[in-house]
N, C-alpha and C. Protein backbone atom coordinates (compact mmCIF):
# COMPACT_ATOMS: atom_id res chain seq x y z
N UNK A 1 0.85 -1.17 0.00
CA UNK A 1 0.00 0.00 0.00
C UNK A 1 0.90 1.24 0.00
N UNK A 2 0.71 2.08 -0.96
CA UNK A 2 1.53 3.29 -1.04
C UNK A 2 0.86 4.44 -0.28
N UNK A 3 1.66 5.40 0.09
CA UNK A 3 1.18 6.56 0.80
C UNK A 3 0.53 7.53 -0.19
N UNK A 4 -0.59 8.09 0.20
CA UNK A 4 -1.26 9.10 -0.62
C UNK A 4 -0.77 10.48 -0.19
N UNK A 5 -0.34 11.26 -1.16
CA UNK A 5 0.06 12.64 -0.87
C UNK A 5 -0.86 13.64 -1.54
N UNK A 6 -1.37 13.27 -2.74
CA UNK A 6 -2.15 14.22 -3.53
C UNK A 6 -3.35 13.53 -4.17
N UNK A 7 -4.55 14.08 -3.91
CA UNK A 7 -5.78 13.59 -4.52
C UNK A 7 -6.36 14.72 -5.36
N UNK A 8 -6.62 14.43 -6.63
CA UNK A 8 -7.29 15.39 -7.50
C UNK A 8 -8.76 15.01 -7.60
N UNK A 9 -9.61 15.97 -7.36
CA UNK A 9 -11.05 15.78 -7.56
C UNK A 9 -11.43 16.63 -8.76
N UNK A 10 -12.01 15.98 -9.76
CA UNK A 10 -12.37 16.68 -11.00
C UNK A 10 -13.89 16.71 -11.13
N UNK A 11 -14.41 17.88 -11.43
CA UNK A 11 -15.85 18.01 -11.66
C UNK A 11 -16.08 19.16 -12.63
N UNK A 12 -17.28 19.23 -13.13
CA UNK A 12 -17.66 20.27 -14.07
C UNK A 12 -18.99 20.87 -13.70
N UNK A 13 -19.59 21.56 -14.64
CA UNK A 13 -20.88 22.22 -14.48
C UNK A 13 -20.92 23.00 -13.17
N UNK A 14 -21.73 22.63 -12.18
CA UNK A 14 -21.83 23.41 -10.94
C UNK A 14 -20.89 22.99 -9.83
N UNK A 15 -20.17 21.88 -9.99
CA UNK A 15 -19.21 21.44 -8.99
C UNK A 15 -19.80 20.76 -7.77
N UNK A 16 -21.07 20.42 -7.80
CA UNK A 16 -21.73 19.82 -6.63
C UNK A 16 -21.20 18.45 -6.26
N UNK A 17 -20.93 17.62 -7.24
CA UNK A 17 -20.40 16.28 -6.97
C UNK A 17 -19.01 16.40 -6.36
N UNK A 18 -18.15 17.19 -6.97
CA UNK A 18 -16.80 17.38 -6.46
C UNK A 18 -16.79 17.95 -5.05
N UNK A 19 -17.68 18.89 -4.77
CA UNK A 19 -17.77 19.49 -3.44
C UNK A 19 -18.13 18.45 -2.40
N UNK A 20 -19.10 17.60 -2.71
CA UNK A 20 -19.51 16.55 -1.77
C UNK A 20 -18.37 15.57 -1.51
N UNK A 21 -17.62 15.24 -2.54
CA UNK A 21 -16.48 14.33 -2.38
C UNK A 21 -15.41 14.97 -1.51
N UNK A 22 -15.08 16.22 -1.78
CA UNK A 22 -14.03 16.92 -1.03
C UNK A 22 -14.40 17.02 0.45
N UNK A 23 -15.65 17.30 0.75
CA UNK A 23 -16.09 17.37 2.15
C UNK A 23 -15.80 16.06 2.87
N UNK A 24 -16.10 14.94 2.24
CA UNK A 24 -15.86 13.63 2.86
C UNK A 24 -14.37 13.32 2.94
N UNK A 25 -13.61 13.71 1.94
CA UNK A 25 -12.16 13.49 1.98
C UNK A 25 -11.53 14.27 3.13
N UNK A 26 -11.98 15.50 3.33
CA UNK A 26 -11.45 16.32 4.43
C UNK A 26 -11.80 15.69 5.78
N UNK A 27 -13.00 15.13 5.90
CA UNK A 27 -13.38 14.44 7.13
C UNK A 27 -12.45 13.25 7.39
N UNK A 28 -12.09 12.54 6.34
CA UNK A 28 -11.26 11.35 6.48
C UNK A 28 -9.79 11.68 6.72
N UNK A 29 -9.22 12.58 5.92
CA UNK A 29 -7.78 12.82 5.95
C UNK A 29 -7.36 14.12 6.64
N UNK A 30 -8.27 15.05 6.84
CA UNK A 30 -7.89 16.35 7.39
C UNK A 30 -6.89 17.01 6.47
N UNK A 31 -5.77 17.45 7.03
CA UNK A 31 -4.73 18.11 6.24
C UNK A 31 -3.56 17.19 5.92
N UNK A 32 -3.71 15.90 6.16
CA UNK A 32 -2.62 14.95 5.89
C UNK A 32 -2.43 14.68 4.41
N UNK A 33 -3.44 14.99 3.61
CA UNK A 33 -3.41 14.77 2.17
C UNK A 33 -3.76 16.08 1.48
N UNK A 34 -3.05 16.40 0.40
CA UNK A 34 -3.38 17.60 -0.37
C UNK A 34 -4.51 17.26 -1.33
N UNK A 35 -5.58 18.01 -1.25
CA UNK A 35 -6.73 17.79 -2.12
C UNK A 35 -6.81 18.95 -3.10
N UNK A 36 -6.71 18.62 -4.38
CA UNK A 36 -6.74 19.61 -5.45
C UNK A 36 -8.08 19.57 -6.16
N UNK A 37 -8.72 20.70 -6.29
CA UNK A 37 -9.99 20.84 -7.00
C UNK A 37 -9.68 21.23 -8.44
N UNK A 38 -10.02 20.37 -9.37
CA UNK A 38 -9.83 20.66 -10.78
C UNK A 38 -11.19 20.75 -11.45
N UNK A 39 -11.56 21.94 -11.83
CA UNK A 39 -12.85 22.15 -12.45
C UNK A 39 -12.72 22.29 -13.96
N UNK A 40 -13.70 21.76 -14.66
CA UNK A 40 -13.71 21.98 -16.10
C UNK A 40 -14.10 23.43 -16.40
N UNK A 41 -14.61 24.12 -15.37
CA UNK A 41 -14.94 25.54 -15.49
C UNK A 41 -14.72 26.21 -14.14
N UNK A 42 -14.71 27.53 -14.12
CA UNK A 42 -14.40 28.29 -12.90
C UNK A 42 -15.46 28.13 -11.82
N UNK A 43 -16.71 27.97 -12.20
CA UNK A 43 -17.78 27.80 -11.20
C UNK A 43 -17.58 26.50 -10.43
N UNK A 44 -17.28 25.42 -11.13
CA UNK A 44 -17.05 24.13 -10.47
C UNK A 44 -15.85 24.22 -9.52
N UNK A 45 -14.79 24.86 -9.97
CA UNK A 45 -13.60 25.01 -9.13
C UNK A 45 -13.93 25.82 -7.88
N UNK A 46 -14.64 26.92 -8.03
CA UNK A 46 -14.99 27.77 -6.89
C UNK A 46 -15.82 27.00 -5.86
N UNK A 47 -16.75 26.20 -6.32
CA UNK A 47 -17.58 25.41 -5.40
C UNK A 47 -16.73 24.40 -4.64
N UNK A 48 -15.78 23.77 -5.33
CA UNK A 48 -14.93 22.78 -4.66
C UNK A 48 -13.96 23.45 -3.68
N UNK A 49 -13.53 24.65 -3.99
CA UNK A 49 -12.68 25.39 -3.05
C UNK A 49 -13.47 25.76 -1.79
N UNK A 50 -14.75 26.08 -1.94
CA UNK A 50 -15.60 26.36 -0.78
C UNK A 50 -15.73 25.13 0.12
N UNK A 51 -15.59 23.94 -0.47
CA UNK A 51 -15.66 22.69 0.30
C UNK A 51 -14.33 22.39 0.99
N UNK A 52 -13.38 23.31 0.87
CA UNK A 52 -12.09 23.26 1.58
C UNK A 52 -11.00 22.47 0.86
N UNK A 53 -11.04 22.42 -0.47
CA UNK A 53 -9.90 21.86 -1.20
C UNK A 53 -8.69 22.73 -0.88
N UNK A 54 -7.51 22.14 -0.88
CA UNK A 54 -6.29 22.90 -0.57
C UNK A 54 -5.96 23.92 -1.65
N UNK A 55 -6.13 23.51 -2.89
CA UNK A 55 -5.87 24.40 -4.03
C UNK A 55 -6.84 24.04 -5.14
N UNK A 56 -6.97 24.93 -6.10
CA UNK A 56 -7.86 24.65 -7.22
C UNK A 56 -7.42 25.35 -8.48
N UNK A 57 -7.82 24.78 -9.60
CA UNK A 57 -7.54 25.37 -10.91
C UNK A 57 -8.63 24.93 -11.87
N UNK A 58 -8.77 25.69 -12.95
CA UNK A 58 -9.84 25.43 -13.91
C UNK A 58 -9.31 25.26 -15.31
N UNK A 59 -10.02 24.46 -16.09
CA UNK A 59 -9.77 24.37 -17.51
C UNK A 59 -8.87 23.23 -17.94
N UNK A 60 -8.76 23.14 -19.26
CA UNK A 60 -8.04 22.03 -19.89
C UNK A 60 -6.58 21.93 -19.44
N UNK A 61 -5.85 23.02 -19.54
CA UNK A 61 -4.42 22.95 -19.23
C UNK A 61 -4.17 22.58 -17.77
N UNK A 62 -4.98 23.12 -16.87
CA UNK A 62 -4.82 22.81 -15.45
C UNK A 62 -5.02 21.31 -15.20
N UNK A 63 -6.02 20.74 -15.81
CA UNK A 63 -6.29 19.31 -15.64
C UNK A 63 -5.18 18.48 -16.27
N UNK A 64 -4.82 18.81 -17.50
CA UNK A 64 -3.78 18.05 -18.21
C UNK A 64 -2.46 18.06 -17.45
N UNK A 65 -2.08 19.20 -16.90
CA UNK A 65 -0.81 19.33 -16.21
C UNK A 65 -0.80 18.72 -14.81
N UNK A 66 -1.95 18.66 -14.18
CA UNK A 66 -2.00 18.26 -12.77
C UNK A 66 -2.26 16.78 -12.55
N UNK A 67 -3.08 16.14 -13.36
CA UNK A 67 -3.44 14.74 -13.08
C UNK A 67 -2.25 13.80 -13.16
N UNK A 68 -1.24 14.16 -13.89
CA UNK A 68 -0.04 13.32 -13.98
C UNK A 68 0.78 13.31 -12.71
N UNK A 69 0.52 14.26 -11.83
CA UNK A 69 1.27 14.36 -10.57
C UNK A 69 0.47 13.85 -9.38
N UNK A 70 -0.73 13.33 -9.63
CA UNK A 70 -1.61 12.90 -8.55
C UNK A 70 -1.38 11.43 -8.20
N UNK A 71 -1.74 11.09 -6.97
CA UNK A 71 -1.73 9.70 -6.55
C UNK A 71 -3.09 9.06 -6.84
N UNK A 72 -4.16 9.85 -6.67
CA UNK A 72 -5.53 9.39 -6.91
C UNK A 72 -6.29 10.50 -7.62
N UNK A 73 -7.13 10.11 -8.58
CA UNK A 73 -8.03 11.03 -9.26
C UNK A 73 -9.45 10.52 -9.02
N UNK A 74 -10.33 11.40 -8.57
CA UNK A 74 -11.72 11.04 -8.29
C UNK A 74 -12.64 11.96 -9.07
N UNK A 75 -13.69 11.38 -9.63
CA UNK A 75 -14.69 12.18 -10.33
C UNK A 75 -15.73 11.30 -10.99
N UNK A 76 -16.71 11.91 -11.63
CA UNK A 76 -17.70 11.12 -12.38
C UNK A 76 -17.04 10.49 -13.61
N UNK A 77 -17.61 9.44 -14.11
CA UNK A 77 -17.07 8.70 -15.26
C UNK A 77 -16.85 9.62 -16.46
N UNK A 78 -17.60 10.69 -16.55
CA UNK A 78 -17.48 11.62 -17.66
C UNK A 78 -16.10 12.23 -17.82
N UNK A 79 -15.27 12.20 -16.77
CA UNK A 79 -13.94 12.81 -16.88
C UNK A 79 -13.01 12.02 -17.78
N UNK A 80 -13.41 10.80 -18.18
CA UNK A 80 -12.61 10.04 -19.14
C UNK A 80 -13.32 9.87 -20.49
N UNK A 81 -14.40 10.63 -20.67
CA UNK A 81 -15.17 10.55 -21.91
C UNK A 81 -15.09 11.89 -22.64
N UNK A 82 -14.44 11.91 -23.81
CA UNK A 82 -14.35 13.17 -24.55
C UNK A 82 -15.74 13.76 -24.83
N UNK A 83 -15.87 15.04 -24.64
CA UNK A 83 -17.08 15.82 -24.91
C UNK A 83 -18.20 15.58 -23.89
N UNK A 84 -17.90 14.91 -22.78
CA UNK A 84 -18.90 14.67 -21.74
C UNK A 84 -19.20 15.97 -21.01
N UNK A 85 -20.14 15.91 -20.10
CA UNK A 85 -20.57 17.06 -19.30
C UNK A 85 -20.95 18.24 -20.19
N UNK A 86 -21.78 17.95 -21.15
CA UNK A 86 -22.26 18.97 -22.09
C UNK A 86 -21.12 19.62 -22.86
N UNK A 87 -20.08 18.86 -23.13
CA UNK A 87 -18.95 19.35 -23.92
C UNK A 87 -17.82 19.96 -23.11
N UNK A 88 -17.97 20.00 -21.78
CA UNK A 88 -16.92 20.62 -20.95
C UNK A 88 -15.65 19.78 -20.89
N UNK A 89 -15.75 18.47 -21.06
CA UNK A 89 -14.57 17.61 -21.03
C UNK A 89 -14.00 17.51 -22.44
N UNK A 90 -12.85 18.09 -22.63
CA UNK A 90 -12.22 18.06 -23.95
C UNK A 90 -11.54 16.70 -24.15
N UNK A 91 -11.28 16.33 -25.40
CA UNK A 91 -10.56 15.08 -25.64
C UNK A 91 -9.20 15.04 -24.92
N UNK A 92 -8.52 16.17 -24.86
CA UNK A 92 -7.23 16.23 -24.19
C UNK A 92 -7.37 15.98 -22.68
N UNK A 93 -8.41 16.52 -22.08
CA UNK A 93 -8.67 16.28 -20.65
C UNK A 93 -8.92 14.79 -20.41
N UNK A 94 -9.82 14.23 -21.19
CA UNK A 94 -10.19 12.82 -21.02
C UNK A 94 -8.97 11.92 -21.18
N UNK A 95 -8.15 12.20 -22.17
CA UNK A 95 -6.95 11.40 -22.39
C UNK A 95 -5.96 11.54 -21.24
N UNK A 96 -5.75 12.74 -20.76
CA UNK A 96 -4.77 12.93 -19.68
C UNK A 96 -5.20 12.22 -18.41
N UNK A 97 -6.48 12.22 -18.11
CA UNK A 97 -6.96 11.49 -16.93
C UNK A 97 -6.79 9.98 -17.16
N UNK A 98 -7.17 9.52 -18.33
CA UNK A 98 -7.10 8.09 -18.63
C UNK A 98 -5.69 7.53 -18.56
N UNK A 99 -4.71 8.28 -19.04
CA UNK A 99 -3.33 7.77 -19.08
C UNK A 99 -2.52 8.13 -17.83
N UNK A 100 -3.10 8.90 -16.93
CA UNK A 100 -2.39 9.25 -15.70
C UNK A 100 -2.03 7.99 -14.92
N UNK A 101 -0.87 8.02 -14.27
CA UNK A 101 -0.45 6.89 -13.45
C UNK A 101 -1.29 6.76 -12.18
N UNK A 102 -2.05 7.79 -11.86
CA UNK A 102 -2.86 7.82 -10.65
C UNK A 102 -3.95 6.75 -10.69
N UNK A 103 -4.28 6.25 -9.50
CA UNK A 103 -5.44 5.38 -9.37
C UNK A 103 -6.66 6.24 -9.63
N UNK A 104 -7.57 5.75 -10.45
CA UNK A 104 -8.77 6.50 -10.78
C UNK A 104 -9.98 5.86 -10.10
N UNK A 105 -10.70 6.66 -9.35
CA UNK A 105 -11.94 6.21 -8.72
C UNK A 105 -13.06 7.01 -9.36
N UNK A 106 -13.87 6.32 -10.17
CA UNK A 106 -14.87 7.00 -10.99
C UNK A 106 -16.29 6.64 -10.54
N UNK A 107 -17.12 7.65 -10.44
CA UNK A 107 -18.52 7.43 -10.08
C UNK A 107 -19.32 7.10 -11.34
N UNK A 108 -20.14 6.06 -11.27
CA UNK A 108 -20.93 5.67 -12.45
C UNK A 108 -22.14 6.58 -12.65
N UNK A 109 -21.86 7.86 -12.80
CA UNK A 109 -22.89 8.86 -13.06
C UNK A 109 -22.68 9.39 -14.46
N UNK A 110 -23.70 9.38 -15.26
CA UNK A 110 -23.51 9.85 -16.61
C UNK A 110 -24.79 10.43 -17.17
N UNK A 111 -24.64 11.58 -17.80
CA UNK A 111 -25.76 12.15 -18.54
C UNK A 111 -25.57 11.87 -20.02
N UNK A 112 -24.54 11.10 -20.30
CA UNK A 112 -24.24 10.76 -21.68
C UNK A 112 -25.12 9.58 -22.08
N UNK A 113 -25.04 9.16 -23.30
CA UNK A 113 -25.82 8.03 -23.80
C UNK A 113 -25.08 6.73 -23.49
N UNK A 114 -24.82 6.52 -22.19
CA UNK A 114 -24.06 5.36 -21.73
C UNK A 114 -24.87 4.66 -20.64
N UNK A 115 -24.92 3.34 -20.73
CA UNK A 115 -25.61 2.54 -19.73
C UNK A 115 -24.58 1.67 -19.02
N UNK A 116 -24.65 1.62 -17.68
CA UNK A 116 -23.74 0.80 -16.90
C UNK A 116 -24.44 -0.50 -16.54
N UNK A 117 -24.09 -1.56 -17.24
CA UNK A 117 -24.69 -2.87 -16.97
C UNK A 117 -23.98 -3.50 -15.78
N UNK A 118 -24.76 -4.07 -14.88
CA UNK A 118 -24.17 -4.75 -13.72
C UNK A 118 -23.81 -3.83 -12.58
N UNK A 119 -24.15 -2.55 -12.68
CA UNK A 119 -23.85 -1.59 -11.62
C UNK A 119 -25.18 -1.12 -11.04
N UNK A 120 -25.34 -1.32 -9.74
CA UNK A 120 -26.58 -0.91 -9.09
C UNK A 120 -26.68 0.61 -9.06
N UNK A 121 -27.83 1.15 -9.41
CA UNK A 121 -27.99 2.61 -9.38
C UNK A 121 -28.15 3.10 -7.95
N UNK A 122 -27.09 3.65 -7.41
CA UNK A 122 -27.10 4.16 -6.04
C UNK A 122 -27.18 5.67 -6.05
N UNK A 123 -27.79 6.27 -5.01
CA UNK A 123 -27.79 7.74 -4.92
C UNK A 123 -26.37 8.24 -4.65
N UNK A 124 -26.12 9.48 -5.03
CA UNK A 124 -24.79 10.07 -4.89
C UNK A 124 -24.20 9.93 -3.49
N UNK A 125 -24.93 10.22 -2.41
CA UNK A 125 -24.32 10.07 -1.08
C UNK A 125 -23.81 8.65 -0.80
N UNK A 126 -24.52 7.65 -1.28
CA UNK A 126 -24.09 6.25 -1.10
C UNK A 126 -22.83 5.97 -1.92
N UNK A 127 -22.77 6.51 -3.12
CA UNK A 127 -21.58 6.33 -3.96
C UNK A 127 -20.35 6.96 -3.31
N UNK A 128 -20.52 8.12 -2.73
CA UNK A 128 -19.40 8.80 -2.07
C UNK A 128 -18.96 8.03 -0.83
N UNK A 129 -19.92 7.52 -0.07
CA UNK A 129 -19.57 6.68 1.09
C UNK A 129 -18.78 5.45 0.66
N UNK A 130 -19.16 4.88 -0.47
CA UNK A 130 -18.43 3.72 -0.99
C UNK A 130 -16.99 4.09 -1.35
N UNK A 131 -16.80 5.24 -1.96
CA UNK A 131 -15.44 5.71 -2.27
C UNK A 131 -14.62 5.76 -0.99
N UNK A 132 -15.18 6.37 0.02
CA UNK A 132 -14.44 6.55 1.28
C UNK A 132 -14.17 5.21 1.96
N UNK A 133 -15.20 4.42 2.18
CA UNK A 133 -15.04 3.21 2.99
C UNK A 133 -14.43 2.03 2.24
N UNK A 134 -14.68 1.93 0.96
CA UNK A 134 -14.19 0.78 0.20
C UNK A 134 -12.82 1.03 -0.44
N UNK A 135 -12.56 2.27 -0.82
CA UNK A 135 -11.36 2.55 -1.61
C UNK A 135 -10.32 3.43 -0.93
N UNK A 136 -10.70 4.17 0.13
CA UNK A 136 -9.75 5.11 0.71
C UNK A 136 -9.50 4.94 2.22
N UNK A 137 -10.41 4.36 2.94
CA UNK A 137 -10.29 4.25 4.40
C UNK A 137 -9.00 3.56 4.82
N UNK A 138 -8.59 2.54 4.08
CA UNK A 138 -7.38 1.80 4.45
C UNK A 138 -6.12 2.68 4.38
N UNK A 139 -6.14 3.73 3.58
CA UNK A 139 -5.00 4.64 3.52
C UNK A 139 -4.88 5.44 4.82
N UNK A 140 -6.01 5.79 5.40
CA UNK A 140 -6.00 6.52 6.66
C UNK A 140 -5.37 5.68 7.75
N UNK A 141 -5.68 4.40 7.80
CA UNK A 141 -5.10 3.51 8.81
C UNK A 141 -3.59 3.44 8.66
N UNK A 142 -3.11 3.40 7.41
CA UNK A 142 -1.68 3.37 7.17
C UNK A 142 -1.01 4.66 7.67
N UNK A 143 -1.67 5.79 7.43
CA UNK A 143 -1.16 7.09 7.89
C UNK A 143 -1.02 7.09 9.41
N UNK A 144 -2.05 6.57 10.10
CA UNK A 144 -2.02 6.56 11.57
C UNK A 144 -0.91 5.65 12.09
N UNK A 145 -0.71 4.50 11.43
CA UNK A 145 0.33 3.55 11.86
C UNK A 145 1.73 4.11 11.66
N UNK A 146 1.92 4.90 10.61
CA UNK A 146 3.26 5.44 10.35
C UNK A 146 3.54 6.67 11.21
N UNK A 147 2.53 7.11 11.96
CA UNK A 147 2.72 8.25 12.86
C UNK A 147 2.71 9.59 12.17
N UNK A 148 2.21 9.64 10.94
CA UNK A 148 2.16 10.91 10.19
C UNK A 148 1.05 11.79 10.68
């Protein structure tokens, strides 16, 4: 299990999903992990910063340059689909997230013409709880054991 230093949360449109994720990440990690808010637009970034992300940036270049330096990237599935989120996700953004060395934790939420077979339709709060308890909680235990 590797140590997490940097988590990028990517969202678009109004930033509500990213804000909810960041709030839970802050509850879990406090200031032990740097949480970066990457918005496909300035409104999404501003909302995620209000949720207490450590830093934030908006747009294609910010996402392309930052996801390669992350340990974990979290967001809706649309962040790896070119032209998703009503066109806010550019092909370059989608590619940079997809090829990033970071572990990607994607929410099966889509307004695109995509159907997720075999995935139970859960409400957003349940999906976020699953991210925390199933995919990230064990990192917190490692942090506590190492005395960080």
